C-alpha atoms as a PDB file:
ATOM      1  CA  MET A   1      24.917 -20.520 -50.652  1.00  0.00           C
ATOM      2  CA  SER A   2      22.015 -18.123 -50.098  1.00  0.00           C
ATOM      3  CA  TYR A   3      19.528 -18.292 -47.278  1.00  0.00           C
ATOM      4  CA  GLY A   4      17.249 -15.539 -48.564  1.00  0.00           C
ATOM      5  CA  GLY A   5      15.538 -15.043 -45.189  1.00  0.00           C
ATOM      6  CA  GLY A   6      17.132 -11.741 -44.211  1.00  0.00           C
ATOM      7  CA  ALA A   7      14.034  -9.573 -44.504  1.00  0.00           C
ATOM      8  CA  ALA A   8      11.746 -12.248 -43.095  1.00  0.00           C
ATOM      9  CA  ALA A   9      14.060 -12.898 -40.149  1.00  0.00           C
ATOM     10  CA  GLY A  10      14.287  -9.169 -39.464  1.00  0.00           C
ATOM     11  CA  GLY A  11      10.494  -8.910 -39.569  1.00  0.00           C
ATOM     12  CA  ALA A  12      10.141 -11.831 -37.162  1.00  0.00           C
ATOM     13  CA  ALA A  13      12.608 -10.220 -34.745  1.00  0.00           C
ATOM     14  CA  ALA A  14      10.703  -6.941 -34.910  1.00  0.00           C
ATOM     15  CA  ALA A  15       7.420  -8.762 -34.247  1.00  0.00           C
ATOM     16  CA  ALA A  16       8.937 -10.545 -31.256  1.00  0.00           C
ATOM     17  CA  ALA A  17      10.243  -7.240 -29.870  1.00  0.00           C
ATOM     18  CA  ALA A  18       6.807  -5.674 -30.308  1.00  0.00           C
ATOM     19  CA  ALA A  19       5.171  -8.604 -28.475  1.00  0.00           C
ATOM     20  CA  VAL A  20       7.551  -8.166 -25.540  1.00  0.00           C
ATOM     21  CA  ALA A  21       6.844  -4.414 -25.459  1.00  0.00           C
ATOM     22  CA  GLU A  22       3.093  -5.097 -25.392  1.00  0.00           C
ATOM     23  CA  ALA A  23       3.534  -7.603 -22.548  1.00  0.00           C
ATOM     24  CA  VAL A  24       5.417  -4.997 -20.536  1.00  0.00           C
ATOM     25  CA  LYS A  25       2.667  -2.426 -21.140  1.00  0.00           C
ATOM     26  CA  ALA A  26      -0.041  -4.922 -20.171  1.00  0.00           C
ATOM     27  CA  SER A  27       1.661  -5.928 -16.945  1.00  0.00           C
ATOM     28  CA  GLY A  28       1.800  -2.372 -15.586  1.00  0.00           C
ATOM     29  CA  ALA A  29       4.352  -1.291 -13.022  1.00  0.00           C
ATOM     30  CA  ILE A  30       6.277  -4.054 -11.317  1.00  0.00           C
ATOM     31  CA  VAL A  31       8.379  -2.878  -8.403  1.00  0.00           C
ATOM     32  CA  ARG A  32      11.447  -4.927  -7.480  1.00  0.00           C
ATOM     33  CA  VAL A  33      12.219  -4.894  -3.759  1.00  0.00           C
ATOM     34  CA  SER A  34      14.517  -6.752  -1.402  1.00  0.00           C
ATOM     35  CA  PRO A  35      13.193  -9.932   0.249  1.00  0.00           C
ATOM     36  CA  ALA A  36      13.023  -8.121   3.623  1.00  0.00           C
ATOM     37  CA  ASP A  37      11.003  -5.254   2.132  1.00  0.00           C
ATOM     38  CA  PHE A  38       8.736  -7.754   0.367  1.00  0.00           C
ATOM     39  CA  CYS A  39       7.936  -9.445   3.689  1.00  0.00           C
ATOM     40  CA  THR A  40       7.196  -6.044   5.251  1.00  0.00           C
ATOM     41  CA  ILE A  41       4.787  -5.196   2.417  1.00  0.00           C
ATOM     42  CA  VAL A  42       3.016  -8.566   2.687  1.00  0.00           C
ATOM     43  CA  ASN A  43       2.629  -8.144   6.447  1.00  0.00           C
ATOM     44  CA  ARG A  44       1.052  -4.683   5.934  1.00  0.00           C
ATOM     45  CA  ALA A  45      -1.660  -5.993   3.601  1.00  0.00           C
ATOM     46  CA  GLU A  46      -5.090  -6.784   5.042  1.00  0.00           C
ATOM     47  CA  LYS A  47      -5.692 -10.032   3.094  1.00  0.00           C
ATOM     48  CA  PRO A  48      -2.436 -10.706   1.257  1.00  0.00           C
ATOM     49  CA  LEU A  49      -2.077 -13.027  -1.705  1.00  0.00           C
ATOM     50  CA  VAL A  50       1.441 -14.147  -2.622  1.00  0.00           C
ATOM     51  CA  VAL A  51       2.229 -15.892  -5.912  1.00  0.00           C
ATOM     52  CA  PHE A  52       5.499 -17.793  -5.858  1.00  0.00           C
ATOM     53  CA  SER A  53       7.598 -20.109  -7.989  1.00  0.00           C
ATOM     54  CA  LYS A  54      10.839 -22.009  -7.656  1.00  0.00           C
ATOM     55  CA  SER A  55      13.432 -22.044 -10.418  1.00  0.00           C
ATOM     56  CA  LYS A  56      16.631 -24.005 -10.884  1.00  0.00           C
ATOM     57  CA  PHE A  57      18.906 -22.536 -13.529  1.00  0.00           C
ATOM     58  CA  PHE A  58      22.394 -22.523 -12.069  1.00  0.00           C
ATOM     59  CA  ARG A  59      21.132 -22.459  -8.498  1.00  0.00           C
ATOM     60  CA  THR A  60      17.767 -22.550  -6.807  1.00  0.00           C
ATOM     61  CA  ALA A  61      15.866 -19.282  -6.624  1.00  0.00           C
ATOM     62  CA  TYR A  62      12.421 -18.422  -5.294  1.00  0.00           C
ATOM     63  CA  HIS A  63      10.347 -15.722  -7.010  1.00  0.00           C
ATOM     64  CA  TYR A  64       7.496 -13.896  -5.279  1.00  0.00           C
ATOM     65  CA  LEU A  65       4.772 -11.468  -6.398  1.00  0.00           C
ATOM     66  CA  THR A  66       2.124  -9.618  -4.413  1.00  0.00           C
ATOM     67  CA  GLY A  67      -0.174  -6.672  -5.004  1.00  0.00           C
ATOM     68  CA  TYR A  68      -0.395  -3.751  -2.586  1.00  0.00           C
ATOM     69  CA  LYS A  69      -2.087  -0.364  -3.049  1.00  0.00           C
ATOM     70  CA  GLY A  70      -2.273  -0.749  -6.822  1.00  0.00           C
ATOM     71  CA  PHE A  71       1.328  -1.838  -7.358  1.00  0.00           C
ATOM     72  CA  VAL A  72       2.752  -5.279  -8.042  1.00  0.00           C
ATOM     73  CA  PHE A  73       5.811  -6.064  -5.927  1.00  0.00           C
ATOM     74  CA  TYR A  74       8.385  -8.667  -6.917  1.00  0.00           C
ATOM     75  CA  THR A  75      11.352 -10.193  -5.167  1.00  0.00           C
ATOM     76  CA  ARG A  76      13.787 -13.014  -5.746  1.00  0.00           C
ATOM     77  CA  SER A  77      15.429 -14.965  -2.956  1.00  0.00           C
ATOM     78  CA  SER A  78      17.902 -17.819  -2.686  1.00  0.00           C
ATOM     79  CA  GLY A  79      15.825 -19.311   0.142  1.00  0.00           C
ATOM     80  CA  ARG A  80      12.155 -19.586   0.992  1.00  0.00           C
ATOM     81  CA  LEU A  81      10.612 -16.545   2.616  1.00  0.00           C
ATOM     82  CA  LEU A  82       8.697 -17.072   5.849  1.00  0.00           C
ATOM     83  CA  PHE A  83       5.346 -15.339   6.258  1.00  0.00           C
ATOM     84  CA  LYS A  84       2.898 -15.098   9.120  1.00  0.00           C
ATOM     85  CA  SER A  85      -0.052 -17.478   9.054  1.00  0.00           C
ATOM     86  CA  GLY A  86      -3.207 -16.525   7.196  1.00  0.00           C
ATOM     87  CA  ILE A  87      -1.486 -15.452   3.974  1.00  0.00           C
ATOM     88  CA  GLU A  88      -2.958 -16.986   0.838  1.00  0.00           C
ATOM     89  CA  MET A  89      -0.199 -18.599  -1.234  1.00  0.00           C
ATOM     90  CA  VAL A  90      -0.488 -19.610  -4.893  1.00  0.00           C
ATOM     91  CA  LYS A  91       2.217 -21.710  -6.515  1.00  0.00           C
ATOM     92  CA  ALA A  92       2.952 -20.801 -10.137  1.00  0.00           C
ATOM     93  CA  GLN A  93       4.862 -22.949 -12.584  1.00  0.00           C
ATOM     94  CA  LYS A  94       6.957 -19.943 -13.562  1.00  0.00           C
ATOM     95  CA  ILE A  95       7.089 -16.211 -12.930  1.00  0.00           C
ATOM     96  CA  TRP A  96       8.461 -14.092 -15.763  1.00  0.00           C
ATOM     97  CA  ILE A  97       9.299 -10.445 -15.116  1.00  0.00           C
ATOM     98  CA  PRO A  98      10.353  -8.196 -18.002  1.00  0.00           C
ATOM     99  CA  SER A  99      13.816  -6.755 -17.521  1.00  0.00           C
END
């Protein structure tokens, strides 16, 4: 039995890898920080915007992104983070961070 898709499958895998590499380049620097450090950064910002999502794979996790001084900061937490009032929050369906 012959499948004959070896070269095509290899080409598809290479194209997928290239697409991921381009996505990483386009997203710029994403800095992973602890939840406590994330809250500190958000509280330092003048008009903070926090994008968040909730995921349930094996257990519930909350993902957060914010921009500060030209960097994008990301954290993951097992519980919701509490922020001071006046912070703009945007709920995303999903947050994907390249690893």
